[in-house]
Amino acid sequence: MKTLTIIGFLLYTIPALSQEKEKDSLIWVERTCETGLKKAKKDFAIGIYNSYSYGLLVKMEPKGLKAGFDGFYKKYMMKKYSMNIENRGCVINDDSICYSDEMEKLITKKFGKDIFKRGKKEAMKLFTRK
């Protein structure tokens, strides 16, 4: 039985080995701080404003507001300021840290240091009217 299994395995794998190998469609990109900085500047220049956070996400709704404000706030920021706000989880590398830091600098330079606080207040006023 063992011999039969080995022969079957060889018959299955030999045709695969004889086929021409195609280039892998995935390209390995080195993720360094420099690549993150370049990507942030490139995205910002074409109007892509990504505000990423990392780590464990704990959603806390402002006191007195009904559920759903967090989603409303993100949609509001996208509609009014073309800003994508999202949490990217716990996997962090130099590329992502430098991208986020640079993008935050560029966003605050364009919209003001209080953009997130101001945007949250604006969204809260609209959300409470709903």
Protein backbone atom coordinates (compact mmCIF):
# COMPACT_ATOMS: atom_id res chain seq x y z
CA MET A 1 0.00 0.00 0.00
CA LYS A 2 2.86 2.35 0.85
CA THR A 3 4.45 1.75 -2.56
CA LEU A 4 1.15 2.39 -4.32
CA THR A 5 0.78 5.72 -2.48
CA ILE A 6 4.30 6.79 -3.48
CA ILE A 7 3.72 5.85 -7.13
CA GLY A 8 0.41 7.74 -7.15
CA PHE A 9 2.09 10.80 -5.65
CA LEU A 10 4.86 10.71 -8.28
CA LEU A 11 2.37 10.34 -11.13
CA TYR A 12 0.48 13.32 -9.78
CA THR A 13 3.50 15.62 -9.28
CA ILE A 14 5.66 14.82 -12.32
CA PRO A 15 3.32 16.54 -14.85
CA ALA A 16 3.27 19.64 -12.67
CA LEU A 17 7.06 19.76 -12.63
CA SER A 18 7.33 19.49 -16.40
CA GLN A 19 5.05 22.48 -17.11
CA GLU A 20 6.52 25.87 -17.86
CA LYS A 21 6.65 28.03 -14.82
CA GLU A 22 4.78 31.29 -15.01
CA LYS A 23 5.88 34.42 -13.24
CA ASP A 24 4.26 34.83 -9.89
CA SER A 25 1.73 37.67 -9.95
CA LEU A 26 2.65 38.71 -6.43
CA ILE A 27 5.57 41.08 -6.18
CA TRP A 28 7.51 41.34 -2.95
CA VAL A 29 7.73 44.96 -1.89
CA GLU A 30 10.04 45.95 0.89
CA ARG A 31 8.06 47.74 3.57
CA THR A 32 10.28 50.43 5.01
CA CYS A 33 9.59 53.79 6.55
CA GLU A 34 10.75 55.42 3.32
CA THR A 35 8.18 53.51 1.24
CA GLY A 36 5.46 54.57 3.70
CA LEU A 37 6.46 58.22 3.47
CA LYS A 38 6.51 58.15 -0.34
CA LYS A 39 3.11 56.45 -0.53
CA ALA A 40 1.55 58.96 1.89
CA LYS A 41 2.86 61.92 -0.11
CA LYS A 42 1.74 60.34 -3.38
CA ASP A 43 -1.76 59.57 -2.05
CA PHE A 44 -2.14 63.05 -0.56
CA ALA A 45 -1.07 64.70 -3.82
CA ILE A 46 -3.91 62.98 -5.68
CA GLY A 47 -6.51 63.73 -3.00
CA ILE A 48 -6.50 60.44 -1.09
CA TYR A 49 -6.67 61.25 2.61
CA ASN A 50 -6.38 58.08 4.72
CA SER A 51 -6.44 58.34 8.48
CA TYR A 52 -5.44 54.93 9.80
CA SER A 53 -5.28 53.81 13.39
CA TYR A 54 -3.80 50.55 14.63
CA GLY A 55 -4.34 48.25 17.58
CA LEU A 56 -7.34 47.05 19.50
CA LEU A 57 -10.42 49.03 18.58
CA VAL A 58 -12.79 49.95 21.39
CA LYS A 59 -15.83 51.82 20.14
CA MET A 60 -17.36 54.22 22.60
CA GLU A 61 -20.40 56.18 21.60
CA PRO A 62 -20.62 59.75 22.96
CA LYS A 63 -22.89 59.96 26.01
CA GLY A 64 -26.49 60.64 25.15
CA LEU A 65 -26.22 59.65 21.48
CA LYS A 66 -28.02 56.70 20.02
CA ALA A 67 -25.99 53.83 18.58
CA GLY A 68 -24.44 54.22 15.14
CA PHE A 69 -22.58 57.49 15.54
CA ASP A 70 -19.18 55.98 14.72
CA GLY A 71 -20.31 54.84 11.27
CA PHE A 72 -22.10 58.14 10.67
CA TYR A 73 -18.95 60.07 11.61
CA LYS A 74 -16.80 58.07 9.16
CA LYS A 75 -19.31 58.62 6.34
CA TYR A 76 -19.54 62.32 7.19
CA MET A 77 -15.76 62.77 7.07
CA MET A 78 -15.62 60.98 3.71
CA LYS A 79 -18.44 63.06 2.24
CA LYS A 80 -17.33 66.46 3.55
CA TYR A 81 -13.52 66.12 3.57
CA SER A 82 -12.89 63.07 1.31
CA MET A 83 -11.21 61.50 4.31
CA ASN A 84 -11.15 57.75 4.86
CA ILE A 85 -10.98 56.88 8.55
CA GLU A 86 -10.38 53.26 9.51
CA ASN A 87 -8.70 50.95 11.99
CA ARG A 88 -6.19 48.58 10.40
CA GLY A 89 -5.90 46.07 13.25
CA CYS A 90 -2.85 44.91 15.16
CA VAL A 91 -0.34 44.15 12.38
CA ILE A 92 2.00 47.12 12.26
CA ASN A 93 5.24 47.61 10.33
CA ASP A 94 7.56 50.54 9.62
CA ASP A 95 5.77 51.25 6.35
CA SER A 96 2.34 51.60 7.96
CA ILE A 97 3.55 53.67 10.93
CA CYS A 98 5.41 56.14 8.73
CA TYR A 99 2.50 56.32 6.26
CA SER A 100 0.04 57.15 9.05
CA ASP A 101 2.31 59.69 10.72
CA GLU A 102 3.06 61.49 7.45
CA MET A 103 -0.56 61.44 6.31
CA GLU A 104 -1.71 62.87 9.65
CA LYS A 105 0.81 65.72 9.30
CA LEU A 106 -0.37 66.47 5.77
CA ILE A 107 -4.06 66.28 6.73
CA THR A 108 -3.66 68.62 9.70
CA LYS A 109 -1.64 71.03 7.58
CA LYS A 110 -4.40 71.14 4.96
CA PHE A 111 -7.50 71.09 7.20
CA GLY A 112 -6.18 72.40 10.53
CA LYS A 113 -4.95 70.78 13.74
CA ASP A 114 -8.48 70.35 15.04
CA ILE A 115 -9.92 68.65 11.94
CA PHE A 116 -10.91 65.43 13.71
CA LYS A 117 -12.37 67.19 16.74
CA ARG A 118 -14.15 69.74 14.54
CA GLY A 119 -15.42 67.05 12.19
CA LYS A 120 -16.75 65.03 15.13
CA LYS A 121 -18.63 68.08 16.46
CA GLU A 122 -20.10 68.80 13.01
CA ALA A 123 -21.17 65.18 12.59
CA MET A 124 -22.64 65.09 16.09
CA LYS A 125 -24.87 68.09 15.34
CA LEU A 126 -26.21 66.40 12.20
CA PHE A 127 -26.54 63.01 13.87
CA THR A 128 -28.62 64.33 16.76
CA ARG A 129 -31.08 65.91 14.29
CA LYS A 130 -31.81 62.54 12.70
